[in-house]
């Protein structure tokens, strides 16, 4: 069986911002609206999407993370895609 190119290799993070680095650049009102009541948990992808949509709507395209940064945040566990409650 042939594995995909790069399989098993750790992605390089040089030149990419961490989620926390990017989050510091987000306006405070958007941070509050997107995370209100959930500040004690890891951010969810839906919360990040809320901020991205609002940045897009006001034309702040340069404030949005790159595709590679977003992918790195998801793959490294900096942002959760889904939160499962305990049963």
PDB file of N, CA and C in Angstrom:
ATOM      1  N   UNK A   1       0.844  -1.181   0.000  1.00  0.00           N
ATOM      2  CA  UNK A   1       0.000   0.000   0.000  1.00  0.00           C
ATOM      3  C   UNK A   1       0.886   1.240   0.000  1.00  0.00           C
ATOM      4  N   UNK A   2       0.559   2.171  -0.832  1.00  0.00           N
ATOM      5  CA  UNK A   2       1.313   3.409  -0.931  1.00  0.00           C
ATOM      6  C   UNK A   2       0.618   4.486  -0.112  1.00  0.00           C
ATOM      7  N   UNK A   3       1.379   5.112   0.767  1.00  0.00           N
ATOM      8  CA  UNK A   3       0.829   6.176   1.599  1.00  0.00           C
ATOM      9  C   UNK A   3       0.975   7.516   0.888  1.00  0.00           C
ATOM     10  N   UNK A   4       0.110   8.465   1.207  1.00  0.00           N
ATOM     11  CA  UNK A   4       0.202   9.790   0.578  1.00  0.00           C
ATOM     12  C   UNK A   4       1.532  10.470   0.890  1.00  0.00           C
ATOM     13  N   UNK A   5       1.966  11.297  -0.030  1.00  0.00           N
ATOM     14  CA  UNK A   5       3.204  12.050   0.149  1.00  0.00           C
ATOM     15  C   UNK A   5       3.124  12.869   1.434  1.00  0.00           C
ATOM     16  N   UNK A   6       4.151  12.766   2.257  1.00  0.00           N
ATOM     17  CA  UNK A   6       4.194  13.524   3.504  1.00  0.00           C
ATOM     18  C   UNK A   6       3.508  12.844   4.668  1.00  0.00           C
ATOM     19  N   UNK A   7       2.918  11.659   4.449  1.00  0.00           N
ATOM     20  CA  UNK A   7       2.214  10.960   5.530  1.00  0.00           C
ATOM     21  C   UNK A   7       3.188  10.623   6.647  1.00  0.00           C
ATOM     22  N   UNK A   8       2.801  10.919   7.869  1.00  0.00           N
ATOM     23  CA  UNK A   8       3.624  10.607   9.034  1.00  0.00           C
ATOM     24  C   UNK A   8       4.628  11.679   9.385  1.00  0.00           C
ATOM     25  N   UNK A   9       4.736  12.700   8.552  1.00  0.00           N
ATOM     26  CA  UNK A   9       5.660  13.784   8.856  1.00  0.00           C
ATOM     27  C   UNK A   9       4.925  14.871   9.611  1.00  0.00           C
ATOM     28  N   UNK A  10       5.609  15.468  10.545  1.00  0.00           N
ATOM     29  CA  UNK A  10       5.011  16.578  11.295  1.00  0.00           C
ATOM     30  C   UNK A  10       5.043  17.825  10.428  1.00  0.00           C
ATOM     31  N   UNK A  11       3.938  18.546  10.357  1.00  0.00           N
ATOM     32  CA  UNK A  11       3.940  19.778   9.564  1.00  0.00           C
ATOM     33  C   UNK A  11       4.841  20.830  10.201  1.00  0.00           C
ATOM     34  N   UNK A  12       5.505  21.587   9.370  1.00  0.00           N
ATOM     35  CA  UNK A  12       6.352  22.654   9.901  1.00  0.00           C
ATOM     36  C   UNK A  12       5.475  23.834  10.279  1.00  0.00           C
ATOM     37  N   UNK A  13       5.843  24.523  11.326  1.00  0.00           N
ATOM     38  CA  UNK A  13       5.042  25.658  11.774  1.00  0.00           C
ATOM     39  C   UNK A  13       5.773  26.984  11.586  1.00  0.00           C
ATOM     40  N   UNK A  14       6.904  26.953  10.866  1.00  0.00           N
ATOM     41  CA  UNK A  14       7.659  28.187  10.686  1.00  0.00           C
ATOM     42  C   UNK A  14       6.854  29.174   9.847  1.00  0.00           C
ATOM     43  N   UNK A  15       6.786  30.410  10.308  1.00  0.00           N
ATOM     44  CA  UNK A  15       6.073  31.441   9.592  1.00  0.00           C
ATOM     45  C   UNK A  15       4.582  31.479   9.852  1.00  0.00           C
ATOM     46  N   UNK A  16       4.079  30.555  10.623  1.00  0.00           N
ATOM     47  CA  UNK A  16       2.651  30.528  10.927  1.00  0.00           C
ATOM     48  C   UNK A  16       2.422  31.053  12.330  1.00  0.00           C
ATOM     49  N   UNK A  17       1.326  31.769  12.489  1.00  0.00           N
ATOM     50  CA  UNK A  17       0.950  32.251  13.818  1.00  0.00           C
ATOM     51  C   UNK A  17       0.224  31.147  14.559  1.00  0.00           C
ATOM     52  N   UNK A  18       0.395  31.135  15.864  1.00  0.00           N
ATOM     53  CA  UNK A  18      -0.420  30.240  16.682  1.00  0.00           C
ATOM     54  C   UNK A  18      -1.803  30.869  16.811  1.00  0.00           C
ATOM     55  N   UNK A  19      -2.762  30.088  17.279  1.00  0.00           N
ATOM     56  CA  UNK A  19      -4.100  30.635  17.478  1.00  0.00           C
ATOM     57  C   UNK A  19      -4.044  31.819  18.432  1.00  0.00           C
ATOM     58  N   UNK A  20      -3.300  31.687  19.520  1.00  0.00           N
ATOM     59  CA  UNK A  20      -3.215  32.770  20.509  1.00  0.00           C
ATOM     60  C   UNK A  20      -2.604  34.033  19.917  1.00  0.00           C
ATOM     61  N   UNK A  21      -1.602  33.877  19.049  1.00  0.00           N
ATOM     62  CA  UNK A  21      -1.012  35.050  18.391  1.00  0.00           C
ATOM     63  C   UNK A  21      -2.061  35.772  17.547  1.00  0.00           C
ATOM     64  N   UNK A  22      -2.839  35.005  16.777  1.00  0.00           N
ATOM     65  CA  UNK A  22      -3.878  35.609  15.952  1.00  0.00           C
ATOM     66  C   UNK A  22      -4.989  36.198  16.814  1.00  0.00           C
ATOM     67  N   UNK A  23      -5.383  35.488  17.868  1.00  0.00           N
ATOM     68  CA  UNK A  23      -6.493  35.913  18.726  1.00  0.00           C
ATOM     69  C   UNK A  23      -6.215  37.278  19.347  1.00  0.00           C
ATOM     70  N   UNK A  24      -4.956  37.563  19.634  1.00  0.00           N
ATOM     71  CA  UNK A  24      -4.589  38.875  20.202  1.00  0.00           C
ATOM     72  C   UNK A  24      -4.853  40.016  19.222  1.00  0.00           C
ATOM     73  N   UNK A  25      -4.963  39.706  17.922  1.00  0.00           N
ATOM     74  CA  UNK A  25      -5.204  40.752  16.927  1.00  0.00           C
ATOM     75  C   UNK A  25      -6.691  40.982  16.662  1.00  0.00           C
ATOM     76  N   UNK A  26      -7.544  40.119  17.212  1.00  0.00           N
ATOM     77  CA  UNK A  26      -8.995  40.216  16.992  1.00  0.00           C
ATOM     78  C   UNK A  26      -9.567  41.323  17.890  1.00  0.00           C
ATOM     79  N   UNK A  27     -10.451  42.174  17.363  1.00  0.00           N
ATOM     80  CA  UNK A  27     -11.069  43.220  18.191  1.00  0.00           C
ATOM     81  C   UNK A  27     -11.788  42.622  19.407  1.00  0.00           C
ATOM     82  N   UNK A  28     -11.710  43.324  20.529  1.00  0.00           N
ATOM     83  CA  UNK A  28     -12.268  42.829  21.795  1.00  0.00           C
ATOM     84  C   UNK A  28     -13.758  42.530  21.722  1.00  0.00           C
ATOM     85  N   UNK A  29     -14.517  43.349  20.993  1.00  0.00           N
ATOM     86  CA  UNK A  29     -15.963  43.093  20.923  1.00  0.00           C
ATOM     87  C   UNK A  29     -16.267  41.767  20.225  1.00  0.00           C
ATOM     88  N   UNK A  30     -15.502  41.414  19.203  1.00  0.00           N
ATOM     89  CA  UNK A  30     -15.700  40.128  18.532  1.00  0.00           C
ATOM     90  C   UNK A  30     -15.285  38.964  19.421  1.00  0.00           C
ATOM     91  N   UNK A  31     -14.202  39.151  20.156  1.00  0.00           N
ATOM     92  CA  UNK A  31     -13.773  38.099  21.093  1.00  0.00           C
ATOM     93  C   UNK A  31     -14.871  37.814  22.105  1.00  0.00           C
ATOM     94  N   UNK A  32     -15.431  38.879  22.660  1.00  0.00           N
ATOM     95  CA  UNK A  32     -16.471  38.740  23.676  1.00  0.00           C
ATOM     96  C   UNK A  32     -17.719  38.075  23.104  1.00  0.00           C
ATOM     97  N   UNK A  33     -18.171  38.528  21.943  1.00  0.00           N
ATOM     98  CA  UNK A  33     -19.388  37.965  21.341  1.00  0.00           C
ATOM     99  C   UNK A  33     -19.213  36.492  20.986  1.00  0.00           C
ATOM    100  N   UNK A  34     -18.064  36.137  20.473  1.00  0.00           N
ATOM    101  CA  UNK A  34     -17.878  34.770  19.991  1.00  0.00           C
ATOM    102  C   UNK A  34     -17.620  33.763  21.117  1.00  0.00           C
ATOM    103  N   UNK A  35     -17.041  34.197  22.225  1.00  0.00           N
ATOM    104  CA  UNK A  35     -16.644  33.263  23.280  1.00  0.00           C
ATOM    105  C   UNK A  35     -17.413  33.436  24.581  1.00  0.00           C
ATOM    106  N   UNK A  36     -18.386  34.334  24.624  1.00  0.00           N
ATOM    107  CA  UNK A  36     -19.096  34.645  25.865  1.00  0.00           C
ATOM    108  C   UNK A  36     -19.640  33.385  26.544  1.00  0.00           C
ATOM    109  N   UNK A  37     -19.244  33.187  27.788  1.00  0.00           N
ATOM    110  CA  UNK A  37     -19.681  32.041  28.568  1.00  0.00           C
ATOM    111  C   UNK A  37     -18.903  30.765  28.304  1.00  0.00           C
ATOM    112  N   UNK A  38     -17.950  30.812  27.377  1.00  0.00           N
ATOM    113  CA  UNK A  38     -17.186  29.609  27.030  1.00  0.00           C
ATOM    114  C   UNK A  38     -15.681  29.862  27.124  1.00  0.00           C
ATOM    115  N   UNK A  39     -15.312  30.879  27.868  1.00  0.00           N
ATOM    116  CA  UNK A  39     -13.912  31.288  27.924  1.00  0.00           C
ATOM    117  C   UNK A  39     -13.002  30.240  28.555  1.00  0.00           C
ATOM    118  N   UNK A  40     -13.557  29.367  29.393  1.00  0.00           N
ATOM    119  CA  UNK A  40     -12.747  28.370  30.089  1.00  0.00           C
ATOM    120  C   UNK A  40     -12.389  27.169  29.241  1.00  0.00           C
ATOM    121  N   UNK A  41     -12.958  27.051  28.059  1.00  0.00           N
ATOM    122  CA  UNK A  41     -12.698  25.911  27.180  1.00  0.00           C
ATOM    123  C   UNK A  41     -11.851  26.325  25.990  1.00  0.00           C
ATOM    124  N   UNK A  42     -11.344  25.325  25.277  1.00  0.00           N
ATOM    125  CA  UNK A  42     -10.645  25.595  24.025  1.00  0.00           C
ATOM    126  C   UNK A  42     -11.637  26.190  23.039  1.00  0.00           C
ATOM    127  N   UNK A  43     -11.185  27.065  22.168  1.00  0.00           N
ATOM    128  CA  UNK A  43     -12.103  27.634  21.178  1.00  0.00           C
ATOM    129  C   UNK A  43     -12.609  26.553  20.224  1.00  0.00           C
ATOM    130  N   UNK A  44     -13.825  26.745  19.762  1.00  0.00           N
ATOM    131  CA  UNK A  44     -14.435  25.846  18.784  1.00  0.00           C
ATOM    132  C   UNK A  44     -14.319  26.450  17.389  1.00  0.00           C
ATOM    133  N   UNK A  45     -14.308  25.594  16.393  1.00  0.00           N
ATOM    134  CA  UNK A  45     -14.228  26.064  15.017  1.00  0.00           C
ATOM    135  C   UNK A  45     -15.384  27.004  14.683  1.00  0.00           C
ATOM    136  N   UNK A  46     -16.578  26.740  15.195  1.00  0.00           N
ATOM    137  CA  UNK A  46     -17.721  27.630  14.940  1.00  0.00           C
ATOM    138  C   UNK A  46     -17.474  29.026  15.495  1.00  0.00           C
ATOM    139  N   UNK A  47     -16.800  29.125  16.639  1.00  0.00           N
ATOM    140  CA  UNK A  47     -16.492  30.427  17.227  1.00  0.00           C
ATOM    141  C   UNK A  47     -15.479  31.172  16.360  1.00  0.00           C
ATOM    142  N   UNK A  48     -14.495  30.440  15.837  1.00  0.00           N
ATOM    143  CA  UNK A  48     -13.512  31.046  14.934  1.00  0.00           C
ATOM    144  C   UNK A  48     -14.211  31.498  13.653  1.00  0.00           C
ATOM    145  N   UNK A  49     -15.119  30.668  13.126  1.00  0.00           N
ATOM    146  CA  UNK A  49     -15.855  31.034  11.912  1.00  0.00           C
ATOM    147  C   UNK A  49     -16.698  32.288  12.116  1.00  0.00           C
ATOM    148  N   UNK A  50     -17.282  32.440  13.297  1.00  0.00           N
ATOM    149  CA  UNK A  50     -18.059  33.642  13.617  1.00  0.00           C
ATOM    150  C   UNK A  50     -17.178  34.885  13.477  1.00  0.00           C
ATOM    151  N   UNK A  51     -15.979  34.815  14.033  1.00  0.00           N
ATOM    152  CA  UNK A  51     -15.051  35.950  13.950  1.00  0.00           C
ATOM    153  C   UNK A  51     -14.629  36.174  12.501  1.00  0.00           C
ATOM    154  N   UNK A  52     -14.312  35.092  11.773  1.00  0.00           N
ATOM    155  CA  UNK A  52     -13.884  35.221  10.379  1.00  0.00           C
ATOM    156  C   UNK A  52     -14.968  35.870   9.517  1.00  0.00           C
ATOM    157  N   UNK A  53     -16.206  35.469   9.721  1.00  0.00           N
ATOM    158  CA  UNK A  53     -17.315  36.052   8.964  1.00  0.00           C
ATOM    159  C   UNK A  53     -17.424  37.548   9.228  1.00  0.00           C
ATOM    160  N   UNK A  54     -17.346  37.942  10.499  1.00  0.00           N
ATOM    161  CA  UNK A  54     -17.471  39.358  10.828  1.00  0.00           C
ATOM    162  C   UNK A  54     -16.288  40.172  10.292  1.00  0.00           C
ATOM    163  N   UNK A  55     -15.094  39.603  10.336  1.00  0.00           N
ATOM    164  CA  UNK A  55     -13.934  40.289   9.754  1.00  0.00           C
ATOM    165  C   UNK A  55     -14.127  40.446   8.241  1.00  0.00           C
ATOM    166  N   UNK A  56     -14.661  39.418   7.613  1.00  0.00           N
ATOM    167  CA  UNK A  56     -14.919  39.471   6.169  1.00  0.00           C
ATOM    168  C   UNK A  56     -15.958  40.543   5.835  1.00  0.00           C
ATOM    169  N   UNK A  57     -17.030  40.588   6.621  1.00  0.00           N
ATOM    170  CA  UNK A  57     -18.114  41.538   6.339  1.00  0.00           C
ATOM    171  C   UNK A  57     -17.684  42.994   6.469  1.00  0.00           C
ATOM    172  N   UNK A  58     -16.709  43.259   7.335  1.00  0.00           N
ATOM    173  CA  UNK A  58     -16.229  44.642   7.476  1.00  0.00           C
ATOM    174  C   UNK A  58     -14.990  44.914   6.620  1.00  0.00           C
ATOM    175  N   UNK A  59     -14.603  43.934   5.794  1.00  0.00           N
ATOM    176  CA  UNK A  59     -13.505  44.145   4.851  1.00  0.00           C
ATOM    177  C   UNK A  59     -12.114  44.025   5.428  1.00  0.00           C
ATOM    178  N   UNK A  60     -11.980  43.412   6.584  1.00  0.00           N
ATOM    179  CA  UNK A  60     -10.649  43.258   7.197  1.00  0.00           C
ATOM    180  C   UNK A  60     -10.043  41.908   6.799  1.00  0.00           C
ATOM    181  N   UNK A  61      -9.843  41.741   5.494  1.00  0.00           N
ATOM    182  CA  UNK A  61      -9.362  40.462   4.970  1.00  0.00           C
ATOM    183  C   UNK A  61      -7.934  40.168   5.418  1.00  0.00           C
ATOM    184  N   UNK A  62      -7.145  41.198   5.642  1.00  0.00           N
ATOM    185  CA  UNK A  62      -5.766  40.990   6.082  1.00  0.00           C
ATOM    186  C   UNK A  62      -5.695  40.514   7.535  1.00  0.00           C
ATOM    187  N   UNK A  63      -6.777  40.646   8.293  1.00  0.00           N
ATOM    188  CA  UNK A  63      -6.799  40.216   9.692  1.00  0.00           C
ATOM    189  C   UNK A  63      -7.160  38.740   9.830  1.00  0.00           C
ATOM    190  N   UNK A  64      -7.579  38.123   8.723  1.00  0.00           N
ATOM    191  CA  UNK A  64      -7.980  36.720   8.777  1.00  0.00           C
ATOM    192  C   UNK A  64      -6.747  35.826   8.669  1.00  0.00           C
ATOM    193  N   UNK A  65      -6.792  34.645   9.301  1.00  0.00           N
ATOM    194  CA  UNK A  65      -5.649  33.725   9.207  1.00  0.00           C
ATOM    195  C   UNK A  65      -5.593  33.082   7.821  1.00  0.00           C
ATOM    196  N   UNK A  66      -4.423  32.598   7.484  1.00  0.00           N
ATOM    197  CA  UNK A  66      -4.277  31.888   6.208  1.00  0.00           C
ATOM    198  C   UNK A  66      -4.882  30.489   6.343  1.00  0.00           C
ATOM    199  N   UNK A  67      -5.077  29.859   5.205  1.00  0.00           N
ATOM    200  CA  UNK A  67      -5.582  28.488   5.189  1.00  0.00           C
ATOM    201  C   UNK A  67      -4.637  27.567   5.966  1.00  0.00           C
ATOM    202  N   UNK A  68      -3.335  27.759   5.757  1.00  0.00           N
ATOM    203  CA  UNK A  68      -2.334  26.919   6.434  1.00  0.00           C
ATOM    204  C   UNK A  68      -2.373  27.118   7.948  1.00  0.00           C
ATOM    205  N   UNK A  69      -2.555  28.356   8.389  1.00  0.00           N
ATOM    206  CA  UNK A  69      -2.644  28.614   9.834  1.00  0.00           C
ATOM    207  C   UNK A  69      -3.869  27.936  10.429  1.00  0.00           C
ATOM    208  N   UNK A  70      -5.006  28.100   9.775  1.00  0.00           N
ATOM    209  CA  UNK A  70      -6.236  27.492  10.279  1.00  0.00           C
ATOM    210  C   UNK A  70      -6.112  25.972  10.326  1.00  0.00           C
ATOM    211  N   UNK A  71      -5.560  25.392   9.288  1.00  0.00           N
ATOM    212  CA  UNK A  71      -5.362  23.945   9.249  1.00  0.00           C
ATOM    213  C   UNK A  71      -4.426  23.494  10.371  1.00  0.00           C
ATOM    214  N   UNK A  72      -3.382  24.261  10.624  1.00  0.00           N
ATOM    215  CA  UNK A  72      -2.437  23.932  11.697  1.00  0.00           C
ATOM    216  C   UNK A  72      -3.123  23.992  13.061  1.00  0.00           C
ATOM    217  N   UNK A  73      -3.973  24.989  13.281  1.00  0.00           N
ATOM    218  CA  UNK A  73      -4.675  25.106  14.567  1.00  0.00           C
ATOM    219  C   UNK A  73      -5.563  23.894  14.810  1.00  0.00           C
ATOM    220  N   UNK A  74      -6.217  23.421  13.755  1.00  0.00           N
ATOM    221  CA  UNK A  74      -7.103  22.262  13.889  1.00  0.00           C
ATOM    222  C   UNK A  74      -6.311  20.979  14.108  1.00  0.00           C
ATOM    223  N   UNK A  75      -5.264  20.786  13.326  1.00  0.00           N
ATOM    224  CA  UNK A  75      -4.482  19.552  13.414  1.00  0.00           C
ATOM    225  C   UNK A  75      -3.646  19.471  14.677  1.00  0.00           C
ATOM    226  N   UNK A  76      -3.245  20.618  15.211  1.00  0.00           N
ATOM    227  CA  UNK A  76      -2.423  20.614  16.421  1.00  0.00           C
ATOM    228  C   UNK A  76      -3.265  20.651  17.700  1.00  0.00           C
ATOM    229  N   UNK A  77      -4.584  20.798  17.554  1.00  0.00           N
ATOM    230  CA  UNK A  77      -5.459  20.805  18.724  1.00  0.00           C
ATOM    231  C   UNK A  77      -5.600  22.150  19.403  1.00  0.00           C
ATOM    232  N   UNK A  78      -5.159  23.224  18.763  1.00  0.00           N
ATOM    233  CA  UNK A  78      -5.324  24.556  19.348  1.00  0.00           C
ATOM    234  C   UNK A  78      -6.785  24.994  19.308  1.00  0.00           C
ATOM    235  N   UNK A  79      -7.533  24.467  18.332  1.00  0.00           N
ATOM    236  CA  UNK A  79      -8.957  24.757  18.165  1.00  0.00           C
ATOM    237  C   UNK A  79      -9.677  23.420  18.040  1.00  0.00           C
ATOM    238  N   UNK A  80     -10.787  23.267  18.753  1.00  0.00           N
ATOM    239  CA  UNK A  80     -11.603  22.041  18.668  1.00  0.00           C
ATOM    240  C   UNK A  80     -12.639  22.189  17.563  1.00  0.00           C
ATOM    241  N   UNK A  81     -12.878  21.103  16.852  1.00  0.00           N
ATOM    242  CA  UNK A  81     -13.921  21.094  15.837  1.00  0.00           C
ATOM    243  C   UNK A  81     -15.265  20.822  16.481  1.00  0.00           C
ATOM    244  N   UNK A  82     -15.237  19.988  17.500  1.00  0.00           N
ATOM    245  CA  UNK A  82     -16.466  19.538  18.158  1.00  0.00           C
ATOM    246  C   UNK A  82     -16.161  19.309  19.628  1.00  0.00           C
ATOM    247  N   UNK A  83     -17.108  19.604  20.480  1.00  0.00           N
ATOM    248  CA  UNK A  83     -16.922  19.352  21.909  1.00  0.00           C
ATOM    249  C   UNK A  83     -17.956  18.335  22.338  1.00  0.00           C
ATOM    250  N   UNK A  84     -17.481  17.244  22.869  1.00  0.00           N
ATOM    251  CA  UNK A  84     -18.383  16.173  23.329  1.00  0.00           C
ATOM    252  C   UNK A  84     -18.584  16.327  24.829  1.00  0.00           C
ATOM    253  N   UNK A  85     -19.834  16.317  25.257  1.00  0.00           N
ATOM    254  CA  UNK A  85     -20.156  16.381  26.679  1.00  0.00           C
ATOM    255  C   UNK A  85     -19.975  15.018  27.322  1.00  0.00           C
ATOM    256  N   UNK A  86     -19.729  15.001  28.617  1.00  0.00           N
ATOM    257  CA  UNK A  86     -19.587  13.723  29.317  1.00  0.00           C
ATOM    258  C   UNK A  86     -20.964  13.112  29.534  1.00  0.00           C
ATOM    259  N   UNK A  87     -21.019  11.788  29.474  1.00  0.00           N
ATOM    260  CA  UNK A  87     -22.295  11.080  29.622  1.00  0.00           C
ATOM    261  C   UNK A  87     -22.537  10.699  31.055  1.00  0.00           C
TER     262      UNK A  87
END
